[in-house]
PDB file of all heavy atoms in Angstrom:
ATOM      1  N   VAL A   1    -209.625 135.391  46.027  1.00  0.00           N
ATOM      2  CA  VAL A   1    -210.252 136.058  44.883  1.00  0.00           C
ATOM      3  C   VAL A   1    -210.339 137.556  45.174  1.00  0.00           C
ATOM      4  O   VAL A   1    -211.088 137.971  46.064  1.00  0.00           O
ATOM      5  CB  VAL A   1    -211.663 135.509  44.598  1.00  0.00           C
ATOM      6  CG1 VAL A   1    -212.259 136.197  43.372  1.00  0.00           C
ATOM      7  CG2 VAL A   1    -211.632 133.991  44.406  1.00  0.00           C
ATOM      8  N   PRO A   2    -209.581 138.380  44.445  1.00  0.00           N
ATOM      9  CA  PRO A   2    -209.700 139.821  44.643  1.00  0.00           C
ATOM     10  C   PRO A   2    -210.866 140.390  43.832  1.00  0.00           C
ATOM     11  O   PRO A   2    -211.261 139.838  42.807  1.00  0.00           O
ATOM     12  CB  PRO A   2    -208.371 140.346  44.096  1.00  0.00           C
ATOM     13  CG  PRO A   2    -208.009 139.369  43.013  1.00  0.00           C
ATOM     14  CD  PRO A   2    -208.524 138.026  43.486  1.00  0.00           C
ATOM     15  N   LEU A   3    -211.412 141.484  44.325  1.00  0.00           N
ATOM     16  CA  LEU A   3    -212.342 142.293  43.545  1.00  0.00           C
ATOM     17  C   LEU A   3    -211.630 143.617  43.324  1.00  0.00           C
ATOM     18  O   LEU A   3    -211.480 144.424  44.245  1.00  0.00           O
ATOM     19  CB  LEU A   3    -213.664 142.504  44.284  1.00  0.00           C
ATOM     20  CG  LEU A   3    -214.627 143.537  43.669  1.00  0.00           C
ATOM     21  CD1 LEU A   3    -214.962 143.167  42.222  1.00  0.00           C
ATOM     22  CD2 LEU A   3    -215.888 143.678  44.493  1.00  0.00           C
ATOM     23  N   MET A   4    -211.150 143.842  42.108  1.00  0.00           N
ATOM     24  CA  MET A   4    -210.358 145.018  41.815  1.00  0.00           C
ATOM     25  C   MET A   4    -211.266 146.247  41.763  1.00  0.00           C
ATOM     26  O   MET A   4    -212.314 146.230  41.114  1.00  0.00           O
ATOM     27  CB  MET A   4    -209.626 144.847  40.484  1.00  0.00           C
ATOM     28  CG  MET A   4    -208.875 143.521  40.345  1.00  0.00           C
ATOM     29  SD  MET A   4    -207.652 143.229  41.653  1.00  0.00           S
ATOM     30  CE  MET A   4    -206.449 144.530  41.293  1.00  0.00           C
ATOM     31  N   THR A   5    -210.851 147.299  42.475  1.00  0.00           N
ATOM     32  CA  THR A   5    -211.649 148.522  42.522  1.00  0.00           C
ATOM     33  C   THR A   5    -210.979 149.694  41.832  1.00  0.00           C
ATOM     34  O   THR A   5    -211.655 150.670  41.489  1.00  0.00           O
ATOM     35  CB  THR A   5    -211.944 148.918  43.981  1.00  0.00           C
ATOM     36  OG1 THR A   5    -210.714 149.247  44.639  1.00  0.00           O
ATOM     37  CG2 THR A   5    -212.641 147.774  44.719  1.00  0.00           C
ATOM     38  N   GLY A   6    -209.635 149.632  41.673  1.00  0.00           N
ATOM     39  CA  GLY A   6    -208.919 150.707  40.994  1.00  0.00           C
ATOM     40  C   GLY A   6    -208.786 151.964  41.816  1.00  0.00           C
ATOM     41  O   GLY A   6    -208.292 152.978  41.329  1.00  0.00           O
ATOM     42  N   SER A   7    -209.201 151.951  43.065  1.00  0.00           N
ATOM     43  CA  SER A   7    -209.162 153.127  43.918  1.00  0.00           C
ATOM     44  C   SER A   7    -209.199 152.689  45.377  1.00  0.00           C
ATOM     45  O   SER A   7    -210.048 151.878  45.760  1.00  0.00           O
ATOM     46  CB  SER A   7    -210.364 154.039  43.619  1.00  0.00           C
ATOM     47  OG  SER A   7    -210.708 154.836  44.732  1.00  0.00           O
ATOM     48  N   SER A   8    -208.294 153.242  46.170  1.00  0.00           N
ATOM     49  CA  SER A   8    -208.267 152.896  47.590  1.00  0.00           C
ATOM     50  C   SER A   8    -209.524 153.365  48.306  1.00  0.00           C
ATOM     51  O   SER A   8    -210.079 152.656  49.155  1.00  0.00           O
ATOM     52  CB  SER A   8    -207.036 153.523  48.251  1.00  0.00           C
ATOM     53  OG  SER A   8    -205.850 152.918  47.776  1.00  0.00           O
ATOM     54  N   VAL A   9    -209.989 154.567  47.980  1.00  0.00           N
ATOM     55  CA  VAL A   9    -211.195 155.084  48.613  1.00  0.00           C
ATOM     56  C   VAL A   9    -212.402 154.234  48.239  1.00  0.00           C
ATOM     57  O   VAL A   9    -213.243 153.898  49.075  1.00  0.00           O
ATOM     58  CB  VAL A   9    -211.421 156.556  48.234  1.00  0.00           C
ATOM     59  CG1 VAL A   9    -212.797 157.037  48.707  1.00  0.00           C
ATOM     60  CG2 VAL A   9    -210.332 157.430  48.841  1.00  0.00           C
ATOM     61  N   ARG A  10    -212.472 153.880  46.970  1.00  0.00           N
ATOM     62  CA  ARG A  10    -213.593 153.033  46.533  1.00  0.00           C
ATOM     63  C   ARG A  10    -213.556 151.680  47.248  1.00  0.00           C
ATOM     64  O   ARG A  10    -214.592 151.154  47.666  1.00  0.00           O
ATOM     65  CB  ARG A  10    -213.545 152.835  45.024  1.00  0.00           C
ATOM     66  CG  ARG A  10    -214.691 151.989  44.474  1.00  0.00           C
ATOM     67  CD  ARG A  10    -214.740 152.066  42.956  1.00  0.00           C
ATOM     68  NE  ARG A  10    -215.610 151.036  42.400  1.00  0.00           N
ATOM     69  CZ  ARG A  10    -216.935 151.069  42.403  1.00  0.00           C
ATOM     70  NH1 ARG A  10    -217.554 152.088  42.969  1.00  0.00           N
ATOM     71  NH2 ARG A  10    -217.641 150.092  41.873  1.00  0.00           N
ATOM     72  N   ALA A  11    -212.357 151.118  47.407  1.00  0.00           N
ATOM     73  CA  ALA A  11    -212.228 149.844  48.123  1.00  0.00           C
ATOM     74  C   ALA A  11    -212.694 149.995  49.562  1.00  0.00           C
ATOM     75  O   ALA A  11    -213.423 149.145  50.092  1.00  0.00           O
ATOM     76  CB  ALA A  11    -210.781 149.356  48.078  1.00  0.00           C
ATOM     77  N   GLY A  12    -212.287 151.088  50.207  1.00  0.00           N
ATOM     78  CA  GLY A  12    -212.689 151.312  51.589  1.00  0.00           C
ATOM     79  C   GLY A  12    -214.190 151.514  51.732  1.00  0.00           C
ATOM     80  O   GLY A  12    -214.820 150.977  52.646  1.00  0.00           O
ATOM     81  N   ARG A  13    -214.788 152.264  50.821  1.00  0.00           N
ATOM     82  CA  ARG A  13    -216.229 152.517  50.892  1.00  0.00           C
ATOM     83  C   ARG A  13    -217.026 151.258  50.603  1.00  0.00           C
ATOM     84  O   ARG A  13    -218.039 150.983  51.242  1.00  0.00           O
ATOM     85  CB  ARG A  13    -216.619 153.619  49.905  1.00  0.00           C
ATOM     86  CG  ARG A  13    -216.044 154.984  50.264  1.00  0.00           C
ATOM     87  CD  ARG A  13    -216.725 156.087  49.496  1.00  0.00           C
ATOM     88  NE  ARG A  13    -218.129 156.177  49.868  1.00  0.00           N
ATOM     89  CZ  ARG A  13    -219.130 156.308  48.983  1.00  0.00           C
ATOM     90  NH1 ARG A  13    -218.870 156.323  47.699  1.00  0.00           N
ATOM     91  NH2 ARG A  13    -220.377 156.403  49.404  1.00  0.00           N
ATOM     92  N   LEU A  14    -216.545 150.482  49.627  1.00  0.00           N
ATOM     93  CA  LEU A  14    -217.259 149.250  49.284  1.00  0.00           C
ATOM     94  C   LEU A  14    -217.196 148.260  50.443  1.00  0.00           C
ATOM     95  O   LEU A  14    -218.204 147.619  50.782  1.00  0.00           O
ATOM     96  CB  LEU A  14    -216.646 148.641  48.016  1.00  0.00           C
ATOM     97  CG  LEU A  14    -217.374 147.447  47.396  1.00  0.00           C
ATOM     98  CD1 LEU A  14    -218.844 147.758  47.158  1.00  0.00           C
ATOM     99  CD2 LEU A  14    -216.690 147.045  46.088  1.00  0.00           C
ATOM    100  N   SER A  15    -216.029 148.153  51.091  1.00  0.00           N
ATOM    101  CA  SER A  15    -215.891 147.270  52.243  1.00  0.00           C
ATOM    102  C   SER A  15    -216.842 147.698  53.358  1.00  0.00           C
ATOM    103  O   SER A  15    -217.506 146.860  53.981  1.00  0.00           O
ATOM    104  CB  SER A  15    -214.445 147.293  52.749  1.00  0.00           C
ATOM    105  OG  SER A  15    -214.314 146.582  53.959  1.00  0.00           O
ATOM    106  N   ALA A  16    -216.915 149.011  53.609  1.00  0.00           N
ATOM    107  CA  ALA A  16    -217.778 149.519  54.675  1.00  0.00           C
ATOM    108  C   ALA A  16    -219.252 149.253  54.372  1.00  0.00           C
ATOM    109  O   ALA A  16    -220.017 148.854  55.266  1.00  0.00           O
ATOM    110  CB  ALA A  16    -217.547 151.017  54.852  1.00  0.00           C
ATOM    111  N   GLU A  17    -219.663 149.444  53.134  1.00  0.00           N
ATOM    112  CA  GLU A  17    -221.065 149.240  52.788  1.00  0.00           C
ATOM    113  C   GLU A  17    -221.428 147.759  52.776  1.00  0.00           C
ATOM    114  O   GLU A  17    -222.545 147.381  53.156  1.00  0.00           O
ATOM    115  CB  GLU A  17    -221.369 149.903  51.452  1.00  0.00           C
ATOM    116  CG  GLU A  17    -221.233 151.423  51.519  1.00  0.00           C
ATOM    117  CD  GLU A  17    -221.880 152.141  50.349  1.00  0.00           C
ATOM    118  OE1 GLU A  17    -222.818 151.575  49.737  1.00  0.00           O
ATOM    119  OE2 GLU A  17    -221.442 153.264  50.055  1.00  0.00           O
ATOM    120  N   LEU A  18    -220.489 146.909  52.384  1.00  0.00           N
ATOM    121  CA  LEU A  18    -220.751 145.470  52.452  1.00  0.00           C
ATOM    122  C   LEU A  18    -220.894 145.023  53.912  1.00  0.00           C
ATOM    123  O   LEU A  18    -221.733 144.165  54.225  1.00  0.00           O
ATOM    124  CB  LEU A  18    -219.619 144.696  51.762  1.00  0.00           C
ATOM    125  CG  LEU A  18    -219.618 144.749  50.230  1.00  0.00           C
ATOM    126  CD1 LEU A  18    -218.352 144.114  49.678  1.00  0.00           C
ATOM    127  CD2 LEU A  18    -220.847 144.041  49.663  1.00  0.00           C
ATOM    128  N   PHE A  19    -220.079 145.604  54.791  1.00  0.00           N
ATOM    129  CA  PHE A  19    -220.182 145.267  56.214  1.00  0.00           C
ATOM    130  C   PHE A  19    -221.572 145.627  56.742  1.00  0.00           C
ATOM    131  O   PHE A  19    -222.165 144.870  57.525  1.00  0.00           O
ATOM    132  CB  PHE A  19    -219.098 145.987  57.006  1.00  0.00           C
ATOM    133  CG  PHE A  19    -218.962 145.525  58.430  1.00  0.00           C
ATOM    134  CD1 PHE A  19    -218.377 144.308  58.723  1.00  0.00           C
ATOM    135  CD2 PHE A  19    -219.427 146.313  59.473  1.00  0.00           C
ATOM    136  CE1 PHE A  19    -218.255 143.870  60.042  1.00  0.00           C
ATOM    137  CE2 PHE A  19    -219.316 145.896  60.792  1.00  0.00           C
ATOM    138  CZ  PHE A  19    -218.719 144.668  61.071  1.00  0.00           C
ATOM    139  N   GLU A  20    -222.075 146.771  56.302  1.00  0.00           N
ATOM    140  CA  GLU A  20    -223.421 147.179  56.717  1.00  0.00           C
ATOM    141  C   GLU A  20    -224.480 146.193  56.225  1.00  0.00           C
ATOM    142  O   GLU A  20    -225.543 146.049  56.820  1.00  0.00           O
ATOM    143  CB  GLU A  20    -223.731 148.582  56.184  1.00  0.00           C
ATOM    144  CG  GLU A  20    -222.948 149.692  56.868  1.00  0.00           C
ATOM    145  CD  GLU A  20    -223.271 149.787  58.349  1.00  0.00           C
ATOM    146  OE1 GLU A  20    -224.471 149.740  58.683  1.00  0.00           O
ATOM    147  OE2 GLU A  20    -222.337 149.907  59.160  1.00  0.00           O
ATOM    148  N   ARG A  21    -224.175 145.487  55.134  1.00  0.00           N
ATOM    149  CA  ARG A  21    -225.126 144.530  54.561  1.00  0.00           C
ATOM    150  C   ARG A  21    -224.822 143.091  54.981  1.00  0.00           C
ATOM    151  O   ARG A  21    -225.358 142.151  54.415  1.00  0.00           O
ATOM    152  CB  ARG A  21    -225.146 144.659  53.033  1.00  0.00           C
ATOM    153  CG  ARG A  21    -225.622 146.035  52.551  1.00  0.00           C
ATOM    154  CD  ARG A  21    -225.872 146.048  51.069  1.00  0.00           C
ATOM    155  NE  ARG A  21    -226.939 145.121  50.685  1.00  0.00           N
ATOM    156  CZ  ARG A  21    -227.385 144.977  49.428  1.00  0.00           C
ATOM    157  NH1 ARG A  21    -226.865 145.711  48.457  1.00  0.00           N
ATOM    158  NH2 ARG A  21    -228.330 144.107  49.145  1.00  0.00           N
ATOM    159  N   GLY A  22    -223.922 142.935  55.963  1.00  0.00           N
ATOM    160  CA  GLY A  22    -223.694 141.615  56.526  1.00  0.00           C
ATOM    161  C   GLY A  22    -222.596 140.794  55.891  1.00  0.00           C
ATOM    162  O   GLY A  22    -222.551 139.570  56.081  1.00  0.00           O
ATOM    163  N   VAL A  23    -221.677 141.448  55.158  1.00  0.00           N
ATOM    164  CA  VAL A  23    -220.560 140.742  54.531  1.00  0.00           C
ATOM    165  C   VAL A  23    -219.255 141.315  55.060  1.00  0.00           C
ATOM    166  O   VAL A  23    -218.985 142.520  54.926  1.00  0.00           O
ATOM    167  CB  VAL A  23    -220.592 140.865  52.997  1.00  0.00           C
ATOM    168  CG1 VAL A  23    -219.361 140.176  52.378  1.00  0.00           C
ATOM    169  CG2 VAL A  23    -221.872 140.262  52.438  1.00  0.00           C
ATOM    170  N   ASN A  24    -218.423 140.478  55.662  1.00  0.00           N
ATOM    171  CA  ASN A  24    -217.142 140.914  56.212  1.00  0.00           C
ATOM    172  C   ASN A  24    -216.015 140.588  55.237  1.00  0.00           C
ATOM    173  O   ASN A  24    -215.653 139.430  55.050  1.00  0.00           O
ATOM    174  CB  ASN A  24    -216.877 140.222  57.558  1.00  0.00           C
ATOM    175  CG  ASN A  24    -215.578 140.680  58.190  1.00  0.00           C
ATOM    176  OD1 ASN A  24    -215.321 141.869  58.314  1.00  0.00           O
ATOM    177  ND2 ASN A  24    -214.747 139.725  58.587  1.00  0.00           N
ATOM    178  N   VAL A  25    -215.488 141.622  54.596  1.00  0.00           N
ATOM    179  CA  VAL A  25    -214.346 141.469  53.689  1.00  0.00           C
ATOM    180  C   VAL A  25    -213.526 142.747  53.787  1.00  0.00           C
ATOM    181  O   VAL A  25    -214.075 143.851  53.861  1.00  0.00           O
ATOM    182  CB  VAL A  25    -214.799 141.217  52.233  1.00  0.00           C
ATOM    183  CG1 VAL A  25    -215.668 142.360  51.705  1.00  0.00           C
ATOM    184  CG2 VAL A  25    -213.595 140.998  51.325  1.00  0.00           C
ATOM    185  N   GLN A  26    -212.213 142.610  53.802  1.00  0.00           N
ATOM    186  CA  GLN A  26    -211.370 143.771  54.043  1.00  0.00           C
ATOM    187  C   GLN A  26    -210.774 144.335  52.758  1.00  0.00           C
ATOM    188  O   GLN A  26    -210.506 143.604  51.800  1.00  0.00           O
ATOM    189  CB  GLN A  26    -210.259 143.419  55.025  1.00  0.00           C
ATOM    190  CG  GLN A  26    -210.788 143.139  56.427  1.00  0.00           C
ATOM    191  CD  GLN A  26    -209.689 142.972  57.437  1.00  0.00           C
ATOM    192  OE1 GLN A  26    -208.564 142.631  57.103  1.00  0.00           O
ATOM    193  NE2 GLN A  26    -210.006 143.212  58.700  1.00  0.00           N
ATOM    194  N   PRO A  27    -210.540 145.649  52.753  1.00  0.00           N
ATOM    195  CA  PRO A  27    -209.916 146.289  51.590  1.00  0.00           C
ATOM    196  C   PRO A  27    -208.395 146.180  51.652  1.00  0.00           C
ATOM    197  O   PRO A  27    -207.806 146.153  52.733  1.00  0.00           O
ATOM    198  CB  PRO A  27    -210.358 147.745  51.734  1.00  0.00           C
ATOM    199  CG  PRO A  27    -210.458 147.938  53.226  1.00  0.00           C
ATOM    200  CD  PRO A  27    -210.943 146.619  53.780  1.00  0.00           C
ATOM    201  N   ILE A  28    -207.780 146.118  50.493  1.00  0.00           N
ATOM    202  CA  ILE A  28    -206.324 146.209  50.377  1.00  0.00           C
ATOM    203  C   ILE A  28    -206.047 147.469  49.568  1.00  0.00           C
ATOM    204  O   ILE A  28    -206.448 147.572  48.407  1.00  0.00           O
ATOM    205  CB  ILE A  28    -205.724 144.983  49.662  1.00  0.00           C
ATOM    206  CG1 ILE A  28    -206.147 143.695  50.381  1.00  0.00           C
ATOM    207  CG2 ILE A  28    -204.208 145.096  49.601  1.00  0.00           C
ATOM    208  CD1 ILE A  28    -205.631 143.551  51.785  1.00  0.00           C
TER     209      ILE A  28
END
């Protein structure tokens, strides 16, 4: 299941902030 972000930077930032909140998911 992808979560479309429409931006590579947004995907990277969202992945990093989710990791800080205890969720491990990687950006594409």
